[in-house]
Amino acid sequence: MSALPSNAQDNKLRIISLSPHLTEIVFALGREKQLVGVSDYSDYPYSQGCVDKDCSSKLPSIASYQGADIAAIIRLKPSIILAWEGGNKAQDIARLEQLGYSVFRSSPTNIKALMAEILALGKILNAAPRSKQLHATMTTQLAQIKSQYAENNVHALYYMSQQPLSGMGSDKWLNSLLSLCNIKNIYAALPSAYAQFSIADIIRKQPEIVIVASHQSTSSVSAFWASHREVFKPKVVMVNPDALHRFTPRVLPELARLCKKVHF
């Protein structure tokens, strides 16, 4: 994937994003005015499809969990399509490339890979100065997290749903993030990225920390674990899954908050 000519005008840049994290990165690079279509759940920094706080312009949604709307994408005449390899359907990405579109494939599995993608997108979207600033900021944030918790070490359960109780197994992205401040996922060795858990097994493992990645109320989470208090008394912390699970610059500030809650 090569950059557009350095003298290309912004109004010639027509961006389609097939994933919320890519939409968010486009905003972070200051290229939101060049977006012509986004995916479902492209809801940050503004509401779904909005390009500003007042939603003076709302972009059409051309991708969902069911797939990309190829016909709608063609009508929008994009100059670049940003796709999530592993999140978007492989056949949709292949079809768009067969049609001759320039497609950027995003597939970060750790923070360094995300930072490299941000630099690459900066070049492709003619936003190199902004991408370098983001990269520098994230480099500083990353170094601070790693140095601050270098001597810490805890074991944690990480879950997203209580009914049924399920959460993270061997997911590369989340496990790599937790490792930055020495949080060890008790189910990191599972063969699947996500799994259902049994209370009995969790109690046997006795993790010191329970991390809840959901938008549930703290009262409902506390009530869920209260019945096991006699045999299991972990520290329970909440995290914003929208910030931690998406591959965007927001992840490091959210990780810093999580690390502080866990270790102090």
C-alpha atoms as a PDB file:
ATOM      1  CA  MET A   1       0.000   0.000   0.000  1.00  0.00           C
ATOM      2  CA  SER A   2       1.577   3.284  -1.101  1.00  0.00           C
ATOM      3  CA  ALA A   3       0.781   6.828  -0.114  1.00  0.00           C
ATOM      4  CA  LEU A   4      -1.118   9.202  -2.301  1.00  0.00           C
ATOM      5  CA  PRO A   5       1.078  11.741  -4.101  1.00  0.00           C
ATOM      6  CA  SER A   6       2.362  14.336  -1.653  1.00  0.00           C
ATOM      7  CA  ASN A   7       0.708  17.130  -3.616  1.00  0.00           C
ATOM      8  CA  ALA A   8      -2.728  15.444  -3.653  1.00  0.00           C
ATOM      9  CA  GLN A   9      -5.504  17.716  -2.436  1.00  0.00           C
ATOM     10  CA  ASP A  10      -7.571  16.626   0.565  1.00  0.00           C
ATOM     11  CA  ASN A  11     -10.767  16.903  -1.455  1.00  0.00           C
ATOM     12  CA  LYS A  12      -9.498  14.087  -3.695  1.00  0.00           C
ATOM     13  CA  LEU A  13      -9.176  11.796  -0.694  1.00  0.00           C
ATOM     14  CA  ARG A  14     -12.332   9.748  -0.166  1.00  0.00           C
ATOM     15  CA  ILE A  15     -11.988   7.355   2.762  1.00  0.00           C
ATOM     16  CA  ILE A  16     -14.197   4.418   3.627  1.00  0.00           C
ATOM     17  CA  SER A  17     -13.670   2.700   6.980  1.00  0.00           C
ATOM     18  CA  LEU A  18     -14.967  -0.825   7.483  1.00  0.00           C
ATOM     19  CA  SER A  19     -14.243  -0.947  11.233  1.00  0.00           C
ATOM     20  CA  PRO A  20     -14.853   1.330  14.255  1.00  0.00           C
ATOM     21  CA  HIS A  21     -11.185   1.349  15.250  1.00  0.00           C
ATOM     22  CA  LEU A  22     -10.135   2.516  11.801  1.00  0.00           C
ATOM     23  CA  THR A  23     -12.779   5.244  11.824  1.00  0.00           C
ATOM     24  CA  GLU A  24     -11.410   6.402  15.163  1.00  0.00           C
ATOM     25  CA  ILE A  25      -7.845   6.486  13.865  1.00  0.00           C
ATOM     26  CA  VAL A  26      -8.980   8.579  10.887  1.00  0.00           C
ATOM     27  CA  PHE A  27     -10.384  11.102  13.384  1.00  0.00           C
ATOM     28  CA  ALA A  28      -7.171  10.988  15.419  1.00  0.00           C
ATOM     29  CA  LEU A  29      -5.242  11.811  12.243  1.00  0.00           C
ATOM     30  CA  GLY A  30      -7.509  14.762  11.487  1.00  0.00           C
ATOM     31  CA  ARG A  31      -8.906  13.256   8.287  1.00  0.00           C
ATOM     32  CA  GLU A  32     -12.549  12.840   9.335  1.00  0.00           C
ATOM     33  CA  LYS A  33     -13.747  15.343   6.716  1.00  0.00           C
ATOM     34  CA  GLN A  34     -12.488  12.989   4.035  1.00  0.00           C
ATOM     35  CA  LEU A  35     -14.587  10.073   5.300  1.00  0.00           C
ATOM     36  CA  VAL A  36     -17.465   9.140   2.989  1.00  0.00           C
ATOM     37  CA  GLY A  37     -18.626   5.919   4.666  1.00  0.00           C
ATOM     38  CA  VAL A  38     -18.099   4.057   7.929  1.00  0.00           C
ATOM     39  CA  SER A  39     -19.038   0.813   9.656  1.00  0.00           C
ATOM     40  CA  ASP A  40     -21.652   0.196  12.306  1.00  0.00           C
ATOM     41  CA  TYR A  41     -20.490   1.207  15.824  1.00  0.00           C
ATOM     42  CA  SER A  42     -18.289   4.013  14.488  1.00  0.00           C
ATOM     43  CA  ASP A  43     -19.375   6.015  17.528  1.00  0.00           C
ATOM     44  CA  TYR A  44     -16.222   7.768  18.742  1.00  0.00           C
ATOM     45  CA  PRO A  45     -15.467  10.611  19.193  1.00  0.00           C
ATOM     46  CA  TYR A  46     -19.063  11.416  18.196  1.00  0.00           C
ATOM     47  CA  SER A  47     -22.298   9.504  17.764  1.00  0.00           C
ATOM     48  CA  GLN A  48     -22.620   6.869  15.047  1.00  0.00           C
ATOM     49  CA  GLY A  49     -21.567   8.292  11.687  1.00  0.00           C
ATOM     50  CA  CYS A  50     -21.311  11.885  12.896  1.00  0.00           C
ATOM     51  CA  VAL A  51     -18.317  13.938  11.767  1.00  0.00           C
ATOM     52  CA  ASP A  52     -18.655  16.605  14.476  1.00  0.00           C
ATOM     53  CA  LYS A  53     -20.292  17.213  17.844  1.00  0.00           C
ATOM     54  CA  ASP A  54     -23.414  18.762  16.315  1.00  0.00           C
ATOM     55  CA  CYS A  55     -23.698  15.965  13.743  1.00  0.00           C
ATOM     56  CA  SER A  56     -23.925  18.502  10.936  1.00  0.00           C
ATOM     57  CA  SER A  57     -23.136  15.647   8.579  1.00  0.00           C
ATOM     58  CA  LYS A  58     -23.879  11.952   9.095  1.00  0.00           C
ATOM     59  CA  LEU A  59     -22.004   9.319   7.145  1.00  0.00           C
ATOM     60  CA  PRO A  60     -23.714   6.222   5.773  1.00  0.00           C
ATOM     61  CA  SER A  61     -22.964   2.867   7.388  1.00  0.00           C
ATOM     62  CA  ILE A  62     -21.648   0.491   4.753  1.00  0.00           C
ATOM     63  CA  ALA A  63     -20.424  -2.413   6.925  1.00  0.00           C
ATOM     64  CA  SER A  64     -21.749  -4.497   9.805  1.00  0.00           C
ATOM     65  CA  TYR A  65     -21.153  -7.900  11.385  1.00  0.00           C
ATOM     66  CA  GLN A  66     -23.031  -9.339   8.405  1.00  0.00           C
ATOM     67  CA  GLY A  67     -20.470  -7.964   5.983  1.00  0.00           C
ATOM     68  CA  ALA A  68     -19.693  -4.985   3.760  1.00  0.00           C
ATOM     69  CA  ASP A  69     -22.254  -3.489   1.392  1.00  0.00           C
ATOM     70  CA  ILE A  70     -20.185  -3.695  -1.788  1.00  0.00           C
ATOM     71  CA  ALA A  71     -22.780  -1.924  -3.961  1.00  0.00           C
ATOM     72  CA  ALA A  72     -22.970   1.014  -1.531  1.00  0.00           C
ATOM     73  CA  ILE A  73     -19.180   1.225  -1.392  1.00  0.00           C
ATOM     74  CA  ILE A  74     -18.975   1.392  -5.186  1.00  0.00           C
ATOM     75  CA  ARG A  75     -21.510   4.237  -5.257  1.00  0.00           C
ATOM     76  CA  LEU A  76     -19.401   6.239  -2.800  1.00  0.00           C
ATOM     77  CA  LYS A  77     -16.360   6.144  -5.142  1.00  0.00           C
ATOM     78  CA  PRO A  78     -13.667   5.786  -2.450  1.00  0.00           C
ATOM     79  CA  SER A  79     -10.007   6.469  -3.148  1.00  0.00           C
ATOM     80  CA  ILE A  80      -8.943   4.327  -0.165  1.00  0.00           C
ATOM     81  CA  ILE A  81     -10.709   1.635   1.865  1.00  0.00           C
ATOM     82  CA  LEU A  82      -9.576   0.766   5.393  1.00  0.00           C
ATOM     83  CA  ALA A  83     -10.374  -2.820   6.375  1.00  0.00           C
ATOM     84  CA  TRP A  84      -9.882  -4.943   9.480  1.00  0.00           C
ATOM     85  CA  GLU A  85      -8.272  -8.249   8.582  1.00  0.00           C
ATOM     86  CA  GLY A  86      -9.866 -10.713  10.976  1.00  0.00           C
ATOM     87  CA  GLY A  87     -12.840  -8.491  11.679  1.00  0.00           C
ATOM     88  CA  ASN A  88     -14.203  -7.899   8.192  1.00  0.00           C
ATOM     89  CA  LYS A  89     -15.067 -10.870   6.011  1.00  0.00           C
ATOM     90  CA  ALA A  90     -12.092 -12.097   3.996  1.00  0.00           C
ATOM     91  CA  GLN A  91     -14.244 -12.469   0.894  1.00  0.00           C
ATOM     92  CA  ASP A  92     -15.391  -8.841   1.133  1.00  0.00           C
ATOM     93  CA  ILE A  93     -11.824  -7.562   1.355  1.00  0.00           C
ATOM     94  CA  ALA A  94     -10.763  -9.784  -1.535  1.00  0.00           C
ATOM     95  CA  ARG A  95     -13.711  -8.620  -3.654  1.00  0.00           C
ATOM     96  CA  LEU A  96     -12.893  -4.950  -3.088  1.00  0.00           C
ATOM     97  CA  GLU A  97      -9.290  -5.569  -4.102  1.00  0.00           C
ATOM     98  CA  GLN A  98     -10.460  -7.475  -7.189  1.00  0.00           C
ATOM     99  CA  LEU A  99     -12.540  -4.437  -8.137  1.00  0.00           C
ATOM    100  CA  GLY A 100      -9.341  -2.389  -8.147  1.00  0.00           C
ATOM    101  CA  TYR A 101      -9.740  -0.430  -4.912  1.00  0.00           C
ATOM    102  CA  SER A 102      -6.757   0.456  -2.736  1.00  0.00           C
ATOM    103  CA  VAL A 103      -7.344  -1.431   0.513  1.00  0.00           C
ATOM    104  CA  PHE A 104      -5.357  -0.939   3.714  1.00  0.00           C
ATOM    105  CA  ARG A 105      -5.479  -4.101   5.827  1.00  0.00           C
ATOM    106  CA  SER A 106      -5.312  -3.528   9.579  1.00  0.00           C
ATOM    107  CA  SER A 107      -4.352  -6.479  11.803  1.00  0.00           C
ATOM    108  CA  PRO A 108      -2.560  -5.350  15.001  1.00  0.00           C
ATOM    109  CA  THR A 109      -2.014  -7.969  17.704  1.00  0.00           C
ATOM    110  CA  ASN A 110      -0.041  -5.764  20.096  1.00  0.00           C
ATOM    111  CA  ILE A 111       0.585  -2.100  20.841  1.00  0.00           C
ATOM    112  CA  LYS A 112       3.794  -1.859  18.785  1.00  0.00           C
ATOM    113  CA  ALA A 113       1.970  -3.194  15.721  1.00  0.00           C
ATOM    114  CA  LEU A 114      -0.802  -0.630  16.249  1.00  0.00           C
ATOM    115  CA  MET A 115       1.732   2.176  16.472  1.00  0.00           C
ATOM    116  CA  ALA A 116       3.349   1.007  13.235  1.00  0.00           C
ATOM    117  CA  GLU A 117      -0.076   1.006  11.541  1.00  0.00           C
ATOM    118  CA  ILE A 118      -0.729   4.557  12.704  1.00  0.00           C
ATOM    119  CA  LEU A 119       2.508   5.683  11.044  1.00  0.00           C
ATOM    120  CA  ALA A 120       1.594   3.785   7.868  1.00  0.00           C
ATOM    121  CA  LEU A 121      -1.876   5.341   7.779  1.00  0.00           C
ATOM    122  CA  GLY A 122      -0.323   8.752   8.322  1.00  0.00           C
ATOM    123  CA  LYS A 123       1.608   8.337   5.094  1.00  0.00           C
ATOM    124  CA  ILE A 124      -1.319   6.900   3.146  1.00  0.00           C
ATOM    125  CA  LEU A 125      -3.770   9.608   4.283  1.00  0.00           C
ATOM    126  CA  ASN A 126      -1.313  12.489   3.902  1.00  0.00           C
ATOM    127  CA  ALA A 127      -1.267  13.025   7.662  1.00  0.00           C
ATOM    128  CA  ALA A 128       2.322  12.057   8.444  1.00  0.00           C
ATOM    129  CA  PRO A 129       3.036  14.923  10.905  1.00  0.00           C
ATOM    130  CA  ARG A 130      -0.071  14.065  12.942  1.00  0.00           C
ATOM    131  CA  SER A 131       0.734  10.353  12.916  1.00  0.00           C
ATOM    132  CA  LYS A 132       4.281  11.014  14.117  1.00  0.00           C
ATOM    133  CA  GLN A 133       2.941  13.124  16.976  1.00  0.00           C
ATOM    134  CA  LEU A 134       0.557  10.333  17.955  1.00  0.00           C
ATOM    135  CA  HIS A 135       3.352   7.797  17.748  1.00  0.00           C
ATOM    136  CA  ALA A 136       5.609   9.920  19.965  1.00  0.00           C
ATOM    137  CA  THR A 137       2.857  10.391  22.554  1.00  0.00           C
ATOM    138  CA  MET A 138       2.084   6.679  22.608  1.00  0.00           C
ATOM    139  CA  THR A 139       5.785   5.832  22.911  1.00  0.00           C
ATOM    140  CA  THR A 140       6.001   7.994  26.036  1.00  0.00           C
ATOM    141  CA  GLN A 141       2.808   6.532  27.499  1.00  0.00           C
ATOM    142  CA  LEU A 142       4.001   2.995  26.833  1.00  0.00           C
ATOM    143  CA  ALA A 143       7.373   3.591  28.486  1.00  0.00           C
ATOM    144  CA  GLN A 144       5.709   5.086  31.565  1.00  0.00           C
ATOM    145  CA  ILE A 145       3.389   2.102  32.002  1.00  0.00           C
ATOM    146  CA  LYS A 146       6.163  -0.454  31.611  1.00  0.00           C
ATOM    147  CA  SER A 147       8.556   1.294  34.001  1.00  0.00           C
ATOM    148  CA  GLN A 148       5.955   2.092  36.656  1.00  0.00           C
ATOM    149  CA  TYR A 149       4.862  -1.518  37.105  1.00  0.00           C
ATOM    150  CA  ALA A 150       8.091  -3.367  36.323  1.00  0.00           C
ATOM    151  CA  GLU A 151       8.255  -4.846  39.842  1.00  0.00           C
ATOM    152  CA  ASN A 152       4.546  -5.770  40.095  1.00  0.00           C
ATOM    153  CA  ASN A 153       2.957  -9.112  39.347  1.00  0.00           C
ATOM    154  CA  VAL A 154      -0.669 -10.214  39.829  1.00  0.00           C
ATOM    155  CA  HIS A 155      -3.006 -12.852  38.438  1.00  0.00           C
ATOM    156  CA  ALA A 156      -6.403 -11.838  37.116  1.00  0.00           C
ATOM    157  CA  LEU A 157      -9.671 -13.083  35.715  1.00  0.00           C
ATOM    158  CA  TYR A 158     -10.799 -10.951  32.760  1.00  0.00           C
ATOM    159  CA  TYR A 159     -14.418 -11.251  31.726  1.00  0.00           C
ATOM    160  CA  MET A 160     -16.990  -9.392  29.624  1.00  0.00           C
ATOM    161  CA  SER A 161     -20.266 -11.148  30.440  1.00  0.00           C
ATOM    162  CA  GLN A 162     -21.873 -12.545  33.580  1.00  0.00           C
ATOM    163  CA  GLN A 163     -24.741 -14.398  31.904  1.00  0.00           C
ATOM    164  CA  PRO A 164     -23.104 -16.688  30.951  1.00  0.00           C
ATOM    165  CA  LEU A 165     -19.838 -15.943  32.737  1.00  0.00           C
ATOM    166  CA  SER A 166     -17.398 -15.588  29.856  1.00  0.00           C
ATOM    167  CA  GLY A 167     -14.349 -13.616  28.910  1.00  0.00           C
ATOM    168  CA  MET A 168     -10.792 -13.615  27.686  1.00  0.00           C
ATOM    169  CA  GLY A 169      -8.738 -16.705  27.019  1.00  0.00           C
ATOM    170  CA  SER A 170      -5.746 -16.559  24.682  1.00  0.00           C
ATOM    171  CA  ASP A 171      -6.656 -13.321  22.856  1.00  0.00           C
ATOM    172  CA  LYS A 172      -3.327 -11.889  21.719  1.00  0.00           C
ATOM    173  CA  TRP A 173      -4.280  -8.204  21.836  1.00  0.00           C
ATOM    174  CA  LEU A 174      -5.669  -8.101  25.371  1.00  0.00           C
ATOM    175  CA  ASN A 175      -3.078 -10.432  26.865  1.00  0.00           C
ATOM    176  CA  SER A 176      -0.286  -8.348  25.357  1.00  0.00           C
ATOM    177  CA  LEU A 177      -1.791  -5.208  26.885  1.00  0.00           C
ATOM    178  CA  LEU A 178      -2.136  -6.730  30.353  1.00  0.00           C
ATOM    179  CA  SER A 179       1.452  -7.966  30.224  1.00  0.00           C
ATOM    180  CA  LEU A 180       2.690  -4.382  29.872  1.00  0.00           C
ATOM    181  CA  CYS A 181       1.992  -3.835  33.567  1.00  0.00           C
ATOM    182  CA  ASN A 182       2.492  -7.451  34.642  1.00  0.00           C
ATOM    183  CA  ILE A 183      -1.117  -8.574  34.917  1.00  0.00           C
ATOM    184  CA  LYS A 184      -1.267 -12.314  34.204  1.00  0.00           C
ATOM    185  CA  ASN A 185      -4.514 -13.664  32.785  1.00  0.00           C
ATOM    186  CA  ILE A 186      -5.337 -16.976  34.494  1.00  0.00           C
ATOM    187  CA  TYR A 187      -6.895 -18.294  31.279  1.00  0.00           C
ATOM    188  CA  ALA A 188      -4.221 -17.123  28.837  1.00  0.00           C
ATOM    189  CA  ALA A 189      -3.270 -20.726  28.016  1.00  0.00           C
ATOM    190  CA  LEU A 190      -6.720 -21.706  26.757  1.00  0.00           C
ATOM    191  CA  PRO A 191      -6.841 -22.764  23.078  1.00  0.00           C
ATOM    192  CA  SER A 192      -9.590 -20.237  22.294  1.00  0.00           C
ATOM    193  CA  ALA A 193      -9.419 -16.451  22.449  1.00  0.00           C
ATOM    194  CA  TYR A 194     -12.664 -16.290  24.459  1.00  0.00           C
ATOM    195  CA  ALA A 195     -14.404 -18.892  26.609  1.00  0.00           C
ATOM    196  CA  GLN A 196     -17.036 -19.575  29.264  1.00  0.00           C
ATOM    197  CA  PHE A 197     -15.777 -19.987  32.812  1.00  0.00           C
ATOM    198  CA  SER A 198     -17.012 -21.910  35.825  1.00  0.00           C
ATOM    199  CA  ILE A 199     -17.170 -20.280  39.248  1.00  0.00           C
ATOM    200  CA  ALA A 200     -15.739 -23.429  40.816  1.00  0.00           C
ATOM    201  CA  ASP A 201     -12.620 -23.299  38.626  1.00  0.00           C
ATOM    202  CA  ILE A 202     -12.127 -19.588  39.268  1.00  0.00           C
ATOM    203  CA  ILE A 203     -12.319 -20.186  43.001  1.00  0.00           C
ATOM    204  CA  ARG A 204      -9.742 -22.973  42.707  1.00  0.00           C
ATOM    205  CA  LYS A 205      -7.404 -20.670  40.810  1.00  0.00           C
ATOM    206  CA  GLN A 206      -7.907 -17.772  43.290  1.00  0.00           C
ATOM    207  CA  PRO A 207      -6.841 -14.806  41.133  1.00  0.00           C
ATOM    208  CA  GLU A 208      -6.112 -11.711  43.191  1.00  0.00           C
ATOM    209  CA  ILE A 209      -7.906  -9.482  40.670  1.00  0.00           C
ATOM    210  CA  VAL A 210     -11.174  -9.683  38.761  1.00  0.00           C
ATOM    211  CA  ILE A 211     -11.321  -7.332  35.770  1.00  0.00           C
ATOM    212  CA  VAL A 212     -14.781  -6.584  34.426  1.00  0.00           C
ATOM    213  CA  ALA A 213     -14.804  -5.254  30.858  1.00  0.00           C
ATOM    214  CA  SER A 214     -18.414  -4.216  30.418  1.00  0.00           C
ATOM    215  CA  HIS A 215     -20.821  -1.323  30.904  1.00  0.00           C
ATOM    216  CA  GLN A 216     -22.586  -2.983  33.835  1.00  0.00           C
ATOM    217  CA  SER A 217     -23.193  -1.019  36.996  1.00  0.00           C
ATOM    218  CA  THR A 218     -20.774  -1.533  39.855  1.00  0.00           C
ATOM    219  CA  SER A 219     -23.680  -2.550  42.068  1.00  0.00           C
ATOM    220  CA  SER A 220     -24.664  -5.441  39.761  1.00  0.00           C
ATOM    221  CA  VAL A 221     -21.054  -6.618  39.567  1.00  0.00           C
ATOM    222  CA  SER A 222     -20.652  -6.462  43.349  1.00  0.00           C
ATOM    223  CA  ALA A 223     -23.895  -8.365  43.841  1.00  0.00           C
ATOM    224  CA  PHE A 224     -22.736 -11.088  41.449  1.00  0.00           C
ATOM    225  CA  TRP A 225     -19.575 -11.813  43.447  1.00  0.00           C
ATOM    226  CA  ALA A 226     -21.060 -11.235  46.908  1.00  0.00           C
ATOM    227  CA  SER A 227     -22.450 -14.764  47.194  1.00  0.00           C
ATOM    228  CA  HIS A 228     -18.924 -16.196  46.906  1.00  0.00           C
ATOM    229  CA  ARG A 229     -17.311 -13.860  49.408  1.00  0.00           C
ATOM    230  CA  GLU A 230     -16.606 -16.537  52.000  1.00  0.00           C
ATOM    231  CA  VAL A 231     -14.290 -18.445  49.647  1.00  0.00           C
ATOM    232  CA  PHE A 232     -13.254 -15.817  47.112  1.00  0.00           C
ATOM    233  CA  LYS A 233     -12.336 -12.223  47.947  1.00  0.00           C
ATOM    234  CA  PRO A 234     -10.619 -10.662  44.927  1.00  0.00           C
ATOM    235  CA  LYS A 235     -10.190  -7.000  44.169  1.00  0.00           C
ATOM    236  CA  VAL A 236     -12.770  -6.180  41.484  1.00  0.00           C
ATOM    237  CA  VAL A 237     -11.999  -3.423  38.972  1.00  0.00           C
ATOM    238  CA  MET A 238     -13.969  -2.097  36.022  1.00  0.00           C
ATOM    239  CA  VAL A 239     -12.570  -1.171  32.609  1.00  0.00           C
ATOM    240  CA  ASN A 240     -14.069   0.570  29.575  1.00  0.00           C
ATOM    241  CA  PRO A 241     -14.147  -2.125  26.874  1.00  0.00           C
ATOM    242  CA  ASP A 242     -14.704   0.397  24.072  1.00  0.00           C
ATOM    243  CA  ALA A 243     -11.361   2.005  24.872  1.00  0.00           C
ATOM    244  CA  LEU A 244      -9.339  -1.093  25.750  1.00  0.00           C
ATOM    245  CA  HIS A 245     -10.611  -3.507  23.114  1.00  0.00           C
ATOM    246  CA  ARG A 246     -10.352  -1.221  20.095  1.00  0.00           C
ATOM    247  CA  PHE A 247      -7.019  -0.747  18.344  1.00  0.00           C
ATOM    248  CA  THR A 248      -6.750   3.032  18.810  1.00  0.00           C
ATOM    249  CA  PRO A 249      -4.636   5.646  20.635  1.00  0.00           C
ATOM    250  CA  ARG A 250      -7.246   5.609  23.433  1.00  0.00           C
ATOM    251  CA  VAL A 251      -6.016   2.222  24.567  1.00  0.00           C
ATOM    252  CA  LEU A 252      -2.920   3.382  26.463  1.00  0.00           C
ATOM    253  CA  PRO A 253      -4.630   5.957  28.728  1.00  0.00           C
ATOM    254  CA  GLU A 254      -7.299   3.337  29.526  1.00  0.00           C
ATOM    255  CA  LEU A 255      -4.624   0.719  30.194  1.00  0.00           C
ATOM    256  CA  ALA A 256      -2.825   3.158  32.511  1.00  0.00           C
ATOM    257  CA  ARG A 257      -6.050   3.610  34.491  1.00  0.00           C
ATOM    258  CA  LEU A 258      -6.551  -0.134  34.692  1.00  0.00           C
ATOM    259  CA  CYS A 259      -2.973  -0.785  35.834  1.00  0.00           C
ATOM    260  CA  LYS A 260      -3.282   1.825  38.563  1.00  0.00           C
ATOM    261  CA  LYS A 261      -6.569   0.320  39.823  1.00  0.00           C
ATOM    262  CA  VAL A 262      -5.073  -3.162  39.836  1.00  0.00           C
ATOM    263  CA  HIS A 263      -1.759  -2.424  41.509  1.00  0.00           C
ATOM    264  CA  PHE A 264      -2.751   0.249  44.036  1.00  0.00           C
END
